[in-house]
């Protein structure tokens, strides 16, 4: 429901979805909204257990979203695979200024 609303909302600039246990499916839904939403500039997805697959979905959305400046992905059980995907967005997304990833399972490969 929230992700669907984000696709059409043209007023909301910040959203805090932390601690909602949205998991991978929720992250995929939010990622779909991020692909079309051009108004949000700050999103907090911390503590949602999105893991690597959810991080990959969000990373894909960040490659096309040209408005978001800040995203919090802390404490989401993101490992090296998810970290690599998120890091890849930094090569193409020139708008993103702040990304928090603390409290994940990112090792040397990530």
C-alpha atoms as a PDB file:
ATOM      1  CA  UNK A   1       0.000   0.000   0.000  1.00  0.00           C
ATOM      2  CA  UNK A   2       2.736   2.462   0.932  1.00  0.00           C
ATOM      3  CA  UNK A   3       4.822   1.635  -2.121  1.00  0.00           C
ATOM      4  CA  UNK A   4       1.804   2.096  -4.368  1.00  0.00           C
ATOM      5  CA  UNK A   5       1.083   5.486  -2.827  1.00  0.00           C
ATOM      6  CA  UNK A   6       4.705   6.538  -3.320  1.00  0.00           C
ATOM      7  CA  UNK A   7       4.368   5.912  -7.040  1.00  0.00           C
ATOM      8  CA  UNK A   8       1.750   8.625  -7.402  1.00  0.00           C
ATOM      9  CA  UNK A   9       2.440  10.993  -4.498  1.00  0.00           C
ATOM     10  CA  UNK A  10       3.851  14.330  -5.579  1.00  0.00           C
ATOM     11  CA  UNK A  11       4.154  16.063  -2.198  1.00  0.00           C
ATOM     12  CA  UNK A  12       5.979  13.781   0.214  1.00  0.00           C
ATOM     13  CA  UNK A  13       9.694  14.558   0.383  1.00  0.00           C
ATOM     14  CA  UNK A  14      10.857  12.346   3.276  1.00  0.00           C
ATOM     15  CA  UNK A  15       9.733   8.945   4.514  1.00  0.00           C
ATOM     16  CA  UNK A  16      10.879   6.835   7.433  1.00  0.00           C
ATOM     17  CA  UNK A  17      10.017   3.156   7.015  1.00  0.00           C
ATOM     18  CA  UNK A  18      12.613   1.896   9.496  1.00  0.00           C
ATOM     19  CA  UNK A  19      11.844  -1.044  11.762  1.00  0.00           C
ATOM     20  CA  UNK A  20       8.864  -2.324   9.797  1.00  0.00           C
ATOM     21  CA  UNK A  21      10.214  -5.754   8.814  1.00  0.00           C
ATOM     22  CA  UNK A  22       9.350  -5.179   5.161  1.00  0.00           C
ATOM     23  CA  UNK A  23      11.812  -7.846   4.050  1.00  0.00           C
ATOM     24  CA  UNK A  24      12.770  -8.568   0.457  1.00  0.00           C
ATOM     25  CA  UNK A  25       9.244  -8.265  -0.979  1.00  0.00           C
ATOM     26  CA  UNK A  26       8.742  -4.885   0.673  1.00  0.00           C
ATOM     27  CA  UNK A  27      12.120  -3.682  -0.565  1.00  0.00           C
ATOM     28  CA  UNK A  28      11.197  -4.749  -4.086  1.00  0.00           C
ATOM     29  CA  UNK A  29       7.910  -2.837  -3.833  1.00  0.00           C
ATOM     30  CA  UNK A  30       9.644   0.278  -2.509  1.00  0.00           C
ATOM     31  CA  UNK A  31      12.257  -0.038  -5.257  1.00  0.00           C
ATOM     32  CA  UNK A  32       9.493  -0.042  -7.840  1.00  0.00           C
ATOM     33  CA  UNK A  33       8.154   3.178  -6.359  1.00  0.00           C
ATOM     34  CA  UNK A  34      11.610   4.768  -6.337  1.00  0.00           C
ATOM     35  CA  UNK A  35      11.907   4.162 -10.050  1.00  0.00           C
ATOM     36  CA  UNK A  36       9.035   6.549 -10.746  1.00  0.00           C
ATOM     37  CA  UNK A  37       8.907   8.901  -7.741  1.00  0.00           C
ATOM     38  CA  UNK A  38      10.602  12.228  -8.458  1.00  0.00           C
ATOM     39  CA  UNK A  39       9.751  13.995  -5.197  1.00  0.00           C
ATOM     40  CA  UNK A  40      11.314  12.015  -2.369  1.00  0.00           C
ATOM     41  CA  UNK A  41      14.754  13.218  -1.389  1.00  0.00           C
ATOM     42  CA  UNK A  42      15.207  11.219   1.836  1.00  0.00           C
ATOM     43  CA  UNK A  43      14.277   7.607   2.659  1.00  0.00           C
ATOM     44  CA  UNK A  44      15.022   5.539   5.742  1.00  0.00           C
ATOM     45  CA  UNK A  45      14.786   1.773   5.200  1.00  0.00           C
ATOM     46  CA  UNK A  46      16.933   0.786   8.200  1.00  0.00           C
ATOM     47  CA  UNK A  47      16.152  -2.310  10.286  1.00  0.00           C
ATOM     48  CA  UNK A  48      13.934  -4.020   7.739  1.00  0.00           C
ATOM     49  CA  UNK A  49      15.819  -7.271   7.076  1.00  0.00           C
ATOM     50  CA  UNK A  50      15.953  -6.694   3.317  1.00  0.00           C
ATOM     51  CA  UNK A  51      19.160  -8.716   2.875  1.00  0.00           C
ATOM     52  CA  UNK A  52      21.167  -8.923  -0.328  1.00  0.00           C
ATOM     53  CA  UNK A  53      18.165  -9.422  -2.613  1.00  0.00           C
ATOM     54  CA  UNK A  54      16.362  -6.395  -1.232  1.00  0.00           C
ATOM     55  CA  UNK A  55      19.535  -4.316  -1.490  1.00  0.00           C
ATOM     56  CA  UNK A  56      19.898  -5.365  -5.124  1.00  0.00           C
ATOM     57  CA  UNK A  57      16.324  -4.260  -5.833  1.00  0.00           C
ATOM     58  CA  UNK A  58      16.901  -0.880  -4.182  1.00  0.00           C
ATOM     59  CA  UNK A  59      20.215  -0.519  -6.027  1.00  0.00           C
ATOM     60  CA  UNK A  60      18.465  -1.064  -9.354  1.00  0.00           C
ATOM     61  CA  UNK A  61      15.987   1.681  -8.506  1.00  0.00           C
ATOM     62  CA  UNK A  62      18.736   4.070  -7.453  1.00  0.00           C
ATOM     63  CA  UNK A  63      20.316   3.709 -10.876  1.00  0.00           C
ATOM     64  CA  UNK A  64      17.286   5.396 -12.451  1.00  0.00           C
ATOM     65  CA  UNK A  65      16.083   7.640  -9.621  1.00  0.00           C
ATOM     66  CA  UNK A  66      17.517  11.114 -10.077  1.00  0.00           C
ATOM     67  CA  UNK A  67      16.007  12.841  -7.060  1.00  0.00           C
ATOM     68  CA  UNK A  68      16.838  10.916  -3.873  1.00  0.00           C
ATOM     69  CA  UNK A  69      19.729  12.516  -1.970  1.00  0.00           C
ATOM     70  CA  UNK A  70      19.776  10.384   1.207  1.00  0.00           C
ATOM     71  CA  UNK A  71      19.056   6.719   1.882  1.00  0.00           C
ATOM     72  CA  UNK A  72      19.511   4.770   5.104  1.00  0.00           C
ATOM     73  CA  UNK A  73      20.059   1.030   4.681  1.00  0.00           C
ATOM     74  CA  UNK A  74      21.568   0.276   8.090  1.00  0.00           C
ATOM     75  CA  UNK A  75      20.907  -2.933  10.041  1.00  0.00           C
ATOM     76  CA  UNK A  76      19.385  -4.855   7.122  1.00  0.00           C
ATOM     77  CA  UNK A  77      21.495  -8.029   6.991  1.00  0.00           C
ATOM     78  CA  UNK A  78      23.074  -6.833   3.768  1.00  0.00           C
ATOM     79  CA  UNK A  79      26.174  -8.844   2.869  1.00  0.00           C
ATOM     80  CA  UNK A  80      28.893  -8.467   0.273  1.00  0.00           C
ATOM     81  CA  UNK A  81      26.604  -9.207  -2.678  1.00  0.00           C
ATOM     82  CA  UNK A  82      24.115  -6.512  -1.702  1.00  0.00           C
ATOM     83  CA  UNK A  83      26.876  -4.045  -0.882  1.00  0.00           C
ATOM     84  CA  UNK A  84      28.414  -4.536  -4.310  1.00  0.00           C
ATOM     85  CA  UNK A  85      25.062  -3.820  -5.955  1.00  0.00           C
ATOM     86  CA  UNK A  86      24.520  -0.687  -3.889  1.00  0.00           C
ATOM     87  CA  UNK A  87      28.072   0.503  -4.543  1.00  0.00           C
ATOM     88  CA  UNK A  88      27.472   0.079  -8.265  1.00  0.00           C
ATOM     89  CA  UNK A  89      24.764   2.724  -8.139  1.00  0.00           C
ATOM     90  CA  UNK A  90      27.334   5.310  -7.146  1.00  0.00           C
ATOM     91  CA  UNK A  91      28.876   5.019 -10.594  1.00  0.00           C
ATOM     92  CA  UNK A  92      25.708   6.230 -12.305  1.00  0.00           C
ATOM     93  CA  UNK A  93      23.657   8.101  -9.676  1.00  0.00           C
ATOM     94  CA  UNK A  94      25.012  11.635  -9.429  1.00  0.00           C
ATOM     95  CA  UNK A  95      22.312  12.960  -7.071  1.00  0.00           C
ATOM     96  CA  UNK A  96      22.783  10.640  -4.079  1.00  0.00           C
ATOM     97  CA  UNK A  97      24.828  12.360  -1.373  1.00  0.00           C
ATOM     98  CA  UNK A  98      24.356  10.233   1.765  1.00  0.00           C
ATOM     99  CA  UNK A  99      24.049   6.471   2.185  1.00  0.00           C
ATOM    100  CA  UNK A 100      24.221   4.783   5.578  1.00  0.00           C
ATOM    101  CA  UNK A 101      25.100   1.076   5.663  1.00  0.00           C
ATOM    102  CA  UNK A 102      26.314   0.515   9.224  1.00  0.00           C
ATOM    103  CA  UNK A 103      25.279  -2.577  11.148  1.00  0.00           C
ATOM    104  CA  UNK A 104      25.179  -4.908   8.128  1.00  0.00           C
ATOM    105  CA  UNK A 105      27.178  -8.043   7.337  1.00  0.00           C
ATOM    106  CA  UNK A 106      29.480  -6.408   4.794  1.00  0.00           C
ATOM    107  CA  UNK A 107      32.952  -7.922   4.627  1.00  0.00           C
ATOM    108  CA  UNK A 108      36.080  -7.189   2.633  1.00  0.00           C
ATOM    109  CA  UNK A 109      34.467  -8.181  -0.670  1.00  0.00           C
ATOM    110  CA  UNK A 110      31.619  -5.705  -0.203  1.00  0.00           C
END
